[in-house]
Amino acid sequence: ALSHARSREVNPYGTFSYSIGLLTGGTKTNVIPDEIRFGGTARFFDEEHDGMNFKRALFRIVDNICAAYECTSVYHNVTGPLPAVANQDFCVSVAEEAAAKVVGREHVKNVPPMMATDSFAYFTKLYPSCYLIVGGRNKEKGIFADHHHPSFDLDEDAMFNGIGAYASIAETFLNTDGDLS
C-alpha cells in the first residue's frame, strides 16, 4: 500500500525512495502471529514536502489497514524526516585541494547528490561543511558491493589514504583565510 504514497504524496519529479528492510512475525508456519513488525527507511532531498507528506501517508496507511483488520498499530523509533546533507561550495573547494595533495587529483571526484542519510546533515545546516566519502572498493580483492548490501566489505588499505586526506583537509581549513563563520 505504501507504493501509492510514493506516487500520490510526493513530488513525482523529485528524488525519493523508500524500502522496507525488516518484516518479522510469528515463529510457526501454521499459527497466525499475535504481532508483526516492519521497518524501513525513506530517502529524499525535500524534507518539508516529500519527507513530511510520506511520513503522514505512512501513518495514515498503516493505521487504516490495521483498523480494517481490527488490529492496532504501535510506532517505535520513528524519526525524521531528516534534512538532506547540504555541501557549501567554499568547503568543497578547500577539501578537494587538500585531499588532492595527499591522494592525487585523479583520485578526487565530485559526485552527484546521493540518496544517503546521515546525521551529519544537521551539521551542514549549522556550520560551513561538506560531506566526503572515502572510496573503499577494490575489485581485485573482490570488494565491490554497495553499502547496506549483504556482501558489503571495505578495503581497509583505503583507510590510510582517507585518514591522510582528512588530516590534510583539517590542516588546510585551520590555516585558511576564507570566511568560515
N, C-alpha and C. Protein backbone atom coordinates (compact mmCIF):
# COMPACT_ATOMS: atom_id res chain seq x y z
N ALA A 1 0.82 -1.21 0.00
CA ALA A 1 0.00 0.00 0.00
C ALA A 1 0.86 1.26 0.00
N LEU A 2 2.09 1.16 0.49
CA LEU A 2 2.95 2.35 0.53
C LEU A 2 3.34 2.82 -0.87
N SER A 3 3.27 1.94 -1.85
CA SER A 3 3.61 2.37 -3.21
C SER A 3 2.66 3.46 -3.70
N HIS A 4 1.44 3.47 -3.21
CA HIS A 4 0.50 4.53 -3.57
C HIS A 4 0.94 5.87 -2.99
N ALA A 5 1.52 5.85 -1.80
CA ALA A 5 2.02 7.09 -1.20
C ALA A 5 3.15 7.65 -2.05
N ARG A 6 3.99 6.78 -2.59
CA ARG A 6 5.10 7.23 -3.43
C ARG A 6 4.57 7.97 -4.66
N SER A 7 3.51 7.47 -5.24
CA SER A 7 3.02 8.08 -6.47
C SER A 7 2.06 9.24 -6.23
N ARG A 8 1.49 9.35 -5.04
CA ARG A 8 0.47 10.37 -4.82
C ARG A 8 0.83 11.44 -3.79
N GLU A 9 1.75 11.16 -2.92
CA GLU A 9 2.02 12.06 -1.80
C GLU A 9 3.29 12.90 -1.95
N VAL A 10 4.17 12.49 -2.84
CA VAL A 10 5.44 13.19 -3.00
C VAL A 10 5.56 13.71 -4.43
N ASN A 11 6.48 14.61 -4.64
CA ASN A 11 6.70 15.20 -5.96
C ASN A 11 7.12 14.09 -6.93
N PRO A 12 6.34 13.83 -7.97
CA PRO A 12 6.69 12.75 -8.90
C PRO A 12 7.96 13.03 -9.69
N TYR A 13 8.41 14.28 -9.71
CA TYR A 13 9.63 14.62 -10.43
C TYR A 13 10.83 14.74 -9.49
N GLY A 14 10.59 14.60 -8.20
CA GLY A 14 11.66 14.70 -7.23
C GLY A 14 12.36 13.38 -7.02
N THR A 15 13.44 13.42 -6.28
CA THR A 15 14.19 12.21 -5.97
C THR A 15 13.69 11.69 -4.63
N PHE A 16 13.16 10.48 -4.64
CA PHE A 16 12.57 9.89 -3.45
C PHE A 16 12.63 8.38 -3.57
N SER A 17 12.96 7.71 -2.48
CA SER A 17 12.88 6.25 -2.45
C SER A 17 12.55 5.81 -1.04
N TYR A 18 11.98 4.64 -0.93
CA TYR A 18 11.77 4.05 0.39
C TYR A 18 11.99 2.56 0.25
N SER A 19 12.31 1.94 1.34
CA SER A 19 12.47 0.48 1.34
C SER A 19 12.05 -0.06 2.69
N ILE A 20 11.44 -1.23 2.65
CA ILE A 20 11.11 -1.95 3.87
C ILE A 20 12.13 -3.07 3.97
N GLY A 21 13.02 -2.96 4.93
CA GLY A 21 14.10 -3.94 5.07
C GLY A 21 13.89 -4.92 6.21
N LEU A 22 12.84 -4.72 6.98
CA LEU A 22 12.57 -5.61 8.12
C LEU A 22 11.10 -5.98 8.10
N LEU A 23 10.82 -7.26 8.13
CA LEU A 23 9.45 -7.76 8.25
C LEU A 23 9.52 -9.06 9.03
N THR A 24 8.96 -9.06 10.23
CA THR A 24 9.00 -10.26 11.07
C THR A 24 7.63 -10.49 11.68
N GLY A 25 7.34 -11.74 11.96
CA GLY A 25 6.09 -12.09 12.63
C GLY A 25 5.97 -13.58 12.80
N GLY A 26 5.71 -13.99 14.00
CA GLY A 26 5.46 -15.40 14.27
C GLY A 26 6.69 -16.26 14.27
N THR A 27 6.47 -17.49 14.75
CA THR A 27 7.56 -18.48 14.80
C THR A 27 7.13 -19.83 14.25
N LYS A 28 5.86 -19.98 13.91
CA LYS A 28 5.35 -21.25 13.39
C LYS A 28 4.65 -21.01 12.06
N THR A 29 4.74 -21.99 11.18
CA THR A 29 4.12 -21.84 9.86
C THR A 29 2.60 -22.00 9.89
N ASN A 30 2.05 -22.63 10.92
CA ASN A 30 0.61 -22.88 10.97
C ASN A 30 -0.11 -22.09 12.07
N VAL A 31 0.54 -21.05 12.60
CA VAL A 31 -0.07 -20.24 13.65
C VAL A 31 -0.02 -18.77 13.22
N ILE A 32 -1.18 -18.12 13.26
CA ILE A 32 -1.23 -16.70 12.92
C ILE A 32 -0.61 -15.93 14.09
N PRO A 33 0.40 -15.11 13.80
CA PRO A 33 1.09 -14.42 14.90
C PRO A 33 0.22 -13.34 15.55
N ASP A 34 0.48 -13.12 16.84
CA ASP A 34 -0.21 -12.04 17.57
C ASP A 34 0.28 -10.68 17.11
N GLU A 35 1.49 -10.65 16.59
CA GLU A 35 2.11 -9.36 16.28
C GLU A 35 3.04 -9.52 15.08
N ILE A 36 3.11 -8.50 14.27
CA ILE A 36 4.12 -8.42 13.22
C ILE A 36 4.84 -7.09 13.36
N ARG A 37 6.05 -7.03 12.87
CA ARG A 37 6.84 -5.80 12.90
C ARG A 37 7.41 -5.56 11.51
N PHE A 38 7.45 -4.30 11.15
CA PHE A 38 8.16 -3.97 9.92
C PHE A 38 8.87 -2.65 10.13
N GLY A 39 9.91 -2.46 9.35
CA GLY A 39 10.67 -1.23 9.44
C GLY A 39 11.39 -0.96 8.14
N GLY A 40 11.77 0.28 7.96
CA GLY A 40 12.46 0.65 6.74
C GLY A 40 12.95 2.07 6.79
N THR A 41 13.32 2.57 5.64
CA THR A 41 13.81 3.94 5.52
C THR A 41 13.19 4.60 4.30
N ALA A 42 13.13 5.92 4.37
CA ALA A 42 12.72 6.72 3.22
C ALA A 42 13.82 7.75 3.00
N ARG A 43 14.15 7.99 1.75
CA ARG A 43 15.22 8.93 1.41
C ARG A 43 14.72 9.92 0.38
N PHE A 44 15.10 11.17 0.57
CA PHE A 44 14.59 12.25 -0.26
C PHE A 44 15.48 13.45 -0.06
N PHE A 45 15.32 14.45 -0.91
CA PHE A 45 16.06 15.69 -0.76
C PHE A 45 15.17 16.80 -0.17
N ASP A 46 13.87 16.70 -0.35
CA ASP A 46 12.95 17.73 0.11
C ASP A 46 12.24 17.25 1.37
N GLU A 47 12.83 17.58 2.53
CA GLU A 47 12.27 17.08 3.79
C GLU A 47 10.92 17.69 4.12
N GLU A 48 10.74 18.97 3.79
CA GLU A 48 9.50 19.65 4.16
C GLU A 48 8.30 19.11 3.37
N HIS A 49 8.45 18.90 2.08
CA HIS A 49 7.32 18.43 1.28
C HIS A 49 7.31 16.90 1.20
N ASP A 50 8.29 16.34 0.54
CA ASP A 50 8.28 14.89 0.31
C ASP A 50 8.40 14.10 1.61
N GLY A 51 9.33 14.50 2.46
CA GLY A 51 9.54 13.76 3.71
C GLY A 51 8.33 13.78 4.61
N MET A 52 7.78 14.97 4.86
CA MET A 52 6.62 15.08 5.75
C MET A 52 5.37 14.46 5.14
N ASN A 53 5.16 14.65 3.85
CA ASN A 53 3.99 14.04 3.21
C ASN A 53 4.04 12.52 3.26
N PHE A 54 5.22 11.94 3.01
CA PHE A 54 5.33 10.49 3.07
C PHE A 54 5.13 9.99 4.49
N LYS A 55 5.67 10.69 5.47
CA LYS A 55 5.51 10.27 6.87
C LYS A 55 4.03 10.29 7.27
N ARG A 56 3.32 11.36 6.92
CA ARG A 56 1.89 11.41 7.22
C ARG A 56 1.14 10.29 6.51
N ALA A 57 1.48 10.04 5.25
CA ALA A 57 0.82 8.97 4.49
C ALA A 57 1.12 7.60 5.10
N LEU A 58 2.35 7.39 5.53
CA LEU A 58 2.72 6.12 6.17
C LEU A 58 1.84 5.86 7.38
N PHE A 59 1.71 6.84 8.27
CA PHE A 59 0.87 6.67 9.46
C PHE A 59 -0.59 6.42 9.06
N ARG A 60 -1.10 7.19 8.11
CA ARG A 60 -2.49 7.04 7.69
C ARG A 60 -2.73 5.65 7.10
N ILE A 61 -1.83 5.19 6.23
CA ILE A 61 -2.00 3.90 5.58
C ILE A 61 -1.91 2.76 6.60
N VAL A 62 -0.89 2.78 7.43
CA VAL A 62 -0.73 1.72 8.43
C VAL A 62 -1.92 1.70 9.39
N ASP A 63 -2.31 2.87 9.90
CA ASP A 63 -3.43 2.94 10.84
C ASP A 63 -4.73 2.44 10.21
N ASN A 64 -4.97 2.80 8.95
CA ASN A 64 -6.22 2.37 8.30
C ASN A 64 -6.22 0.89 7.96
N ILE A 65 -5.09 0.33 7.56
CA ILE A 65 -5.03 -1.11 7.32
C ILE A 65 -5.25 -1.86 8.63
N CYS A 66 -4.62 -1.38 9.69
CA CYS A 66 -4.83 -2.01 11.00
C CYS A 66 -6.30 -1.94 11.41
N ALA A 67 -6.93 -0.79 11.22
CA ALA A 67 -8.34 -0.64 11.58
C ALA A 67 -9.22 -1.59 10.76
N ALA A 68 -8.91 -1.76 9.49
CA ALA A 68 -9.69 -2.64 8.63
C ALA A 68 -9.66 -4.09 9.11
N TYR A 69 -8.57 -4.48 9.76
CA TYR A 69 -8.43 -5.86 10.25
C TYR A 69 -8.56 -5.95 11.77
N GLU A 70 -9.10 -4.88 12.37
CA GLU A 70 -9.32 -4.82 13.81
C GLU A 70 -8.05 -5.09 14.61
N CYS A 71 -6.98 -4.45 14.14
CA CYS A 71 -5.68 -4.52 14.82
C CYS A 71 -5.32 -3.12 15.29
N THR A 72 -4.27 -3.03 16.06
CA THR A 72 -3.76 -1.72 16.47
C THR A 72 -2.34 -1.56 15.98
N SER A 73 -1.97 -0.32 15.76
CA SER A 73 -0.59 -0.03 15.33
C SER A 73 0.12 0.69 16.47
N VAL A 74 1.37 0.33 16.65
CA VAL A 74 2.23 0.96 17.65
C VAL A 74 3.52 1.32 16.94
N TYR A 75 3.97 2.54 17.13
CA TYR A 75 5.16 3.02 16.43
C TYR A 75 6.33 3.14 17.39
N HIS A 76 7.48 2.66 16.96
CA HIS A 76 8.72 2.75 17.74
C HIS A 76 9.81 3.33 16.86
N ASN A 77 10.62 4.17 17.41
CA ASN A 77 11.81 4.69 16.73
C ASN A 77 11.52 5.32 15.38
N VAL A 78 10.43 6.05 15.28
CA VAL A 78 10.12 6.77 14.05
C VAL A 78 10.79 8.13 14.15
N THR A 79 11.69 8.40 13.26
CA THR A 79 12.41 9.68 13.29
C THR A 79 12.12 10.45 12.01
N GLY A 80 12.58 11.68 12.01
CA GLY A 80 12.57 12.45 10.79
C GLY A 80 11.24 13.05 10.45
N PRO A 81 11.20 13.59 9.28
CA PRO A 81 12.22 13.41 8.26
C PRO A 81 13.50 14.18 8.59
N LEU A 82 14.61 13.56 8.26
CA LEU A 82 15.91 14.18 8.49
C LEU A 82 16.26 15.08 7.30
N PRO A 83 17.03 16.13 7.56
CA PRO A 83 17.41 17.00 6.44
C PRO A 83 18.40 16.31 5.51
N ALA A 84 18.49 16.82 4.30
CA ALA A 84 19.49 16.34 3.35
C ALA A 84 20.81 17.04 3.65
N VAL A 85 21.91 16.39 3.35
CA VAL A 85 23.23 17.00 3.51
C VAL A 85 23.37 18.11 2.47
N ALA A 86 23.82 19.27 2.91
CA ALA A 86 23.99 20.41 2.01
C ALA A 86 25.45 20.88 2.07
N ASN A 87 26.21 20.54 1.06
CA ASN A 87 27.62 20.96 1.00
C ASN A 87 27.72 22.44 0.62
N GLN A 88 28.61 23.17 1.28
CA GLN A 88 28.87 24.56 0.91
C GLN A 88 30.04 24.57 -0.09
N ASP A 89 29.90 25.35 -1.15
CA ASP A 89 30.88 25.37 -2.23
C ASP A 89 32.29 25.68 -1.74
N PHE A 90 32.44 26.66 -0.85
CA PHE A 90 33.76 27.03 -0.35
C PHE A 90 34.42 25.84 0.34
N CYS A 91 33.66 25.14 1.17
CA CYS A 91 34.20 23.98 1.89
C CYS A 91 34.59 22.87 0.92
N VAL A 92 33.78 22.66 -0.10
CA VAL A 92 34.09 21.64 -1.10
C VAL A 92 35.40 21.96 -1.80
N SER A 93 35.58 23.22 -2.21
CA SER A 93 36.79 23.58 -2.94
C SER A 93 38.04 23.43 -2.07
N VAL A 94 37.96 23.82 -0.80
CA VAL A 94 39.10 23.65 0.11
C VAL A 94 39.39 22.16 0.31
N ALA A 95 38.35 21.36 0.51
CA ALA A 95 38.54 19.93 0.74
C ALA A 95 39.12 19.23 -0.49
N GLU A 96 38.65 19.60 -1.68
CA GLU A 96 39.18 18.98 -2.91
C GLU A 96 40.67 19.24 -3.06
N GLU A 97 41.08 20.49 -2.86
CA GLU A 97 42.50 20.84 -3.00
C GLU A 97 43.35 20.12 -1.95
N ALA A 98 42.89 20.11 -0.72
CA ALA A 98 43.66 19.49 0.36
C ALA A 98 43.77 17.97 0.16
N ALA A 99 42.68 17.33 -0.22
CA ALA A 99 42.72 15.88 -0.44
C ALA A 99 43.60 15.53 -1.63
N ALA A 100 43.57 16.35 -2.68
CA ALA A 100 44.38 16.09 -3.87
C ALA A 100 45.87 16.09 -3.54
N LYS A 101 46.29 16.88 -2.57
CA LYS A 101 47.70 16.91 -2.17
C LYS A 101 48.15 15.56 -1.63
N VAL A 102 47.22 14.82 -1.05
CA VAL A 102 47.57 13.53 -0.42
C VAL A 102 47.36 12.36 -1.37
N VAL A 103 46.22 12.32 -2.04
CA VAL A 103 45.89 11.14 -2.85
C VAL A 103 46.04 11.37 -4.34
N GLY A 104 46.30 12.61 -4.76
CA GLY A 104 46.42 12.92 -6.18
C GLY A 104 45.10 13.38 -6.76
N ARG A 105 45.16 14.36 -7.63
CA ARG A 105 43.97 14.96 -8.24
C ARG A 105 43.09 13.91 -8.90
N GLU A 106 43.69 12.89 -9.53
CA GLU A 106 42.91 11.89 -10.26
C GLU A 106 42.03 11.03 -9.35
N HIS A 107 42.31 11.06 -8.05
CA HIS A 107 41.52 10.26 -7.11
C HIS A 107 40.47 11.08 -6.36
N VAL A 108 40.37 12.35 -6.67
CA VAL A 108 39.37 13.20 -6.02
C VAL A 108 38.25 13.43 -7.03
N LYS A 109 37.07 12.99 -6.68
CA LYS A 109 35.92 13.07 -7.58
C LYS A 109 34.82 13.90 -6.94
N ASN A 110 34.14 14.67 -7.75
CA ASN A 110 32.96 15.38 -7.31
C ASN A 110 31.78 14.59 -7.82
N VAL A 111 31.04 13.96 -6.93
CA VAL A 111 29.95 13.06 -7.33
C VAL A 111 28.61 13.78 -7.24
N PRO A 112 27.63 13.33 -8.02
CA PRO A 112 26.29 13.92 -7.94
C PRO A 112 25.65 13.61 -6.59
N PRO A 113 24.59 14.32 -6.23
CA PRO A 113 23.91 14.04 -4.97
C PRO A 113 23.54 12.57 -4.85
N MET A 114 23.64 12.06 -3.63
CA MET A 114 23.36 10.66 -3.37
C MET A 114 22.19 10.54 -2.41
N MET A 115 21.51 9.42 -2.47
CA MET A 115 20.37 9.17 -1.58
C MET A 115 20.84 8.48 -0.30
N ALA A 116 21.80 9.08 0.35
CA ALA A 116 22.28 8.56 1.62
C ALA A 116 21.65 9.36 2.74
N THR A 117 21.59 8.78 3.92
CA THR A 117 21.12 9.53 5.08
C THR A 117 22.21 9.50 6.13
N ASP A 118 22.35 10.61 6.81
CA ASP A 118 23.38 10.71 7.82
C ASP A 118 23.05 11.86 8.75
N SER A 119 23.28 11.68 10.03
CA SER A 119 23.03 12.75 10.98
C SER A 119 23.96 13.94 10.75
N PHE A 120 25.01 13.76 9.95
CA PHE A 120 25.91 14.87 9.59
C PHE A 120 25.13 16.00 8.93
N ALA A 121 23.97 15.69 8.36
CA ALA A 121 23.15 16.71 7.71
C ALA A 121 22.81 17.85 8.67
N TYR A 122 22.66 17.53 9.96
CA TYR A 122 22.36 18.59 10.93
C TYR A 122 23.52 19.57 11.04
N PHE A 123 24.76 19.08 10.96
CA PHE A 123 25.92 19.97 10.99
C PHE A 123 25.93 20.90 9.78
N THR A 124 25.54 20.36 8.61
CA THR A 124 25.57 21.19 7.40
C THR A 124 24.54 22.31 7.46
N LYS A 125 23.55 22.16 8.31
CA LYS A 125 22.58 23.25 8.49
C LYS A 125 23.12 24.33 9.43
N LEU A 126 24.06 23.95 10.29
CA LEU A 126 24.55 24.88 11.31
C LEU A 126 25.92 25.48 11.01
N TYR A 127 26.77 24.72 10.31
CA TYR A 127 28.16 25.13 10.12
C TYR A 127 28.58 24.96 8.66
N PRO A 128 29.52 25.80 8.22
CA PRO A 128 30.09 25.56 6.88
C PRO A 128 30.72 24.17 6.86
N SER A 129 30.35 23.37 5.89
CA SER A 129 30.82 21.99 5.89
C SER A 129 30.62 21.34 4.53
N CYS A 130 31.20 20.16 4.40
CA CYS A 130 30.95 19.32 3.23
C CYS A 130 31.12 17.87 3.64
N TYR A 131 30.43 17.01 2.96
CA TYR A 131 30.42 15.58 3.25
C TYR A 131 31.35 14.89 2.28
N LEU A 132 32.28 14.13 2.80
CA LEU A 132 33.25 13.44 1.97
C LEU A 132 33.10 11.94 2.10
N ILE A 133 33.38 11.25 1.04
CA ILE A 133 33.31 9.80 1.03
C ILE A 133 34.68 9.26 0.66
N VAL A 134 35.17 8.35 1.48
CA VAL A 134 36.43 7.68 1.18
C VAL A 134 36.08 6.39 0.45
N GLY A 135 36.50 6.27 -0.78
CA GLY A 135 36.21 5.07 -1.55
C GLY A 135 36.91 3.86 -0.97
N GLY A 136 36.18 2.78 -0.80
CA GLY A 136 36.75 1.58 -0.23
C GLY A 136 36.57 0.36 -1.10
N ARG A 137 36.27 0.56 -2.39
CA ARG A 137 36.12 -0.58 -3.29
C ARG A 137 37.47 -1.03 -3.81
N ASN A 138 37.58 -2.31 -4.08
CA ASN A 138 38.78 -2.86 -4.68
C ASN A 138 38.37 -4.14 -5.40
N LYS A 139 38.13 -4.03 -6.69
CA LYS A 139 37.63 -5.18 -7.45
C LYS A 139 38.63 -6.33 -7.47
N GLU A 140 39.94 -6.00 -7.43
CA GLU A 140 40.96 -7.06 -7.42
C GLU A 140 40.84 -7.92 -6.16
N LYS A 141 40.38 -7.34 -5.06
CA LYS A 141 40.20 -8.08 -3.81
C LYS A 141 38.77 -8.61 -3.66
N GLY A 142 37.93 -8.38 -4.65
CA GLY A 142 36.55 -8.83 -4.58
C GLY A 142 35.67 -7.95 -3.71
N ILE A 143 36.10 -6.71 -3.50
CA ILE A 143 35.35 -5.78 -2.67
C ILE A 143 34.67 -4.78 -3.60
N PHE A 144 33.35 -4.97 -3.80
CA PHE A 144 32.67 -4.16 -4.80
C PHE A 144 31.23 -3.82 -4.44
N ALA A 145 30.66 -4.41 -3.40
CA ALA A 145 29.24 -4.21 -3.09
C ALA A 145 29.00 -2.85 -2.45
N ASP A 146 27.82 -2.29 -2.72
CA ASP A 146 27.42 -1.01 -2.13
C ASP A 146 27.11 -1.17 -0.65
N HIS A 147 27.06 -0.02 0.04
CA HIS A 147 26.64 -0.02 1.44
C HIS A 147 25.28 -0.69 1.58
N HIS A 148 25.03 -1.31 2.70
CA HIS A 148 23.76 -1.96 3.02
C HIS A 148 23.47 -3.19 2.18
N HIS A 149 24.43 -3.61 1.35
CA HIS A 149 24.30 -4.86 0.61
C HIS A 149 24.85 -5.97 1.51
N PRO A 150 24.27 -7.17 1.48
CA PRO A 150 24.77 -8.24 2.35
C PRO A 150 26.24 -8.58 2.12
N SER A 151 26.78 -8.30 0.94
CA SER A 151 28.18 -8.61 0.64
C SER A 151 29.11 -7.42 0.83
N PHE A 152 28.60 -6.34 1.44
CA PHE A 152 29.44 -5.15 1.61
C PHE A 152 30.69 -5.48 2.42
N ASP A 153 31.81 -4.95 1.97
CA ASP A 153 33.08 -5.04 2.68
C ASP A 153 33.84 -3.77 2.32
N LEU A 154 34.91 -3.52 3.02
CA LEU A 154 35.70 -2.32 2.83
C LEU A 154 37.17 -2.71 2.71
N ASP A 155 37.83 -2.16 1.71
CA ASP A 155 39.27 -2.37 1.57
C ASP A 155 39.95 -1.51 2.64
N GLU A 156 40.41 -2.14 3.68
CA GLU A 156 40.98 -1.40 4.81
C GLU A 156 42.23 -0.62 4.42
N ASP A 157 42.90 -1.00 3.33
CA ASP A 157 44.06 -0.23 2.87
C ASP A 157 43.65 1.18 2.45
N ALA A 158 42.41 1.33 2.01
CA ALA A 158 41.93 2.65 1.60
C ALA A 158 41.84 3.60 2.78
N MET A 159 41.74 3.07 3.97
CA MET A 159 41.61 3.93 5.14
C MET A 159 42.85 4.79 5.37
N PHE A 160 44.00 4.29 5.00
CA PHE A 160 45.23 5.10 5.16
C PHE A 160 45.15 6.37 4.32
N ASN A 161 44.71 6.23 3.06
CA ASN A 161 44.54 7.40 2.20
C ASN A 161 43.46 8.32 2.77
N GLY A 162 42.38 7.74 3.26
CA GLY A 162 41.30 8.54 3.82
C GLY A 162 41.75 9.33 5.04
N ILE A 163 42.49 8.70 5.92
CA ILE A 163 42.98 9.38 7.12
C ILE A 163 43.93 10.51 6.72
N GLY A 164 44.80 10.26 5.77
CA GLY A 164 45.73 11.30 5.30
C GLY A 164 44.99 12.46 4.67
N ALA A 165 43.98 12.14 3.85
CA ALA A 165 43.20 13.20 3.21
C ALA A 165 42.46 14.03 4.25
N TYR A 166 41.84 13.40 5.21
CA TYR A 166 41.11 14.14 6.25
C TYR A 166 42.06 15.00 7.08
N ALA A 167 43.24 14.50 7.39
CA ALA A 167 44.21 15.30 8.15
C ALA A 167 44.64 16.52 7.33
N SER A 168 44.86 16.34 6.05
CA SER A 168 45.23 17.46 5.19
C SER A 168 44.10 18.47 5.10
N ILE A 169 42.90 18.00 5.01
CA ILE A 169 41.73 18.89 4.95
C ILE A 169 41.61 19.70 6.24
N ALA A 170 41.74 19.03 7.37
CA ALA A 170 41.64 19.73 8.66
C ALA A 170 42.72 20.80 8.77
N GLU A 171 43.95 20.45 8.42
CA GLU A 171 45.04 21.42 8.48
C GLU A 171 44.78 22.61 7.55
N THR A 172 44.29 22.34 6.35
CA THR A 172 44.01 23.41 5.39
C THR A 172 42.91 24.32 5.91
N PHE A 173 41.84 23.75 6.46
CA PHE A 173 40.76 24.58 7.00
C PHE A 173 41.25 25.44 8.16
N LEU A 174 42.09 24.87 9.01
CA LEU A 174 42.59 25.65 10.15
C LEU A 174 43.48 26.80 9.71
N ASN A 175 44.13 26.65 8.56
CA ASN A 175 45.04 27.69 8.09
C ASN A 175 44.47 28.57 6.99
N THR A 176 43.20 28.39 6.67
CA THR A 176 42.62 29.16 5.57
C THR A 176 42.24 30.57 6.01
N ASP A 177 42.25 31.48 5.05
CA ASP A 177 41.83 32.84 5.32
C ASP A 177 40.36 33.05 4.93
N GLY A 178 39.72 32.00 4.42
CA GLY A 178 38.33 32.12 3.97
C GLY A 178 37.38 32.34 5.14
N ASP A 179 36.18 32.77 4.83
CA ASP A 179 35.16 33.04 5.84
C ASP A 179 34.52 31.72 6.25
N LEU A 180 34.80 31.27 7.45
CA LEU A 180 34.22 30.04 7.97
C LEU A 180 33.19 30.35 9.05
N SER A 181 32.69 31.60 9.09
CA SER A 181 31.73 31.94 10.14
C SER A 181 30.39 31.27 9.91
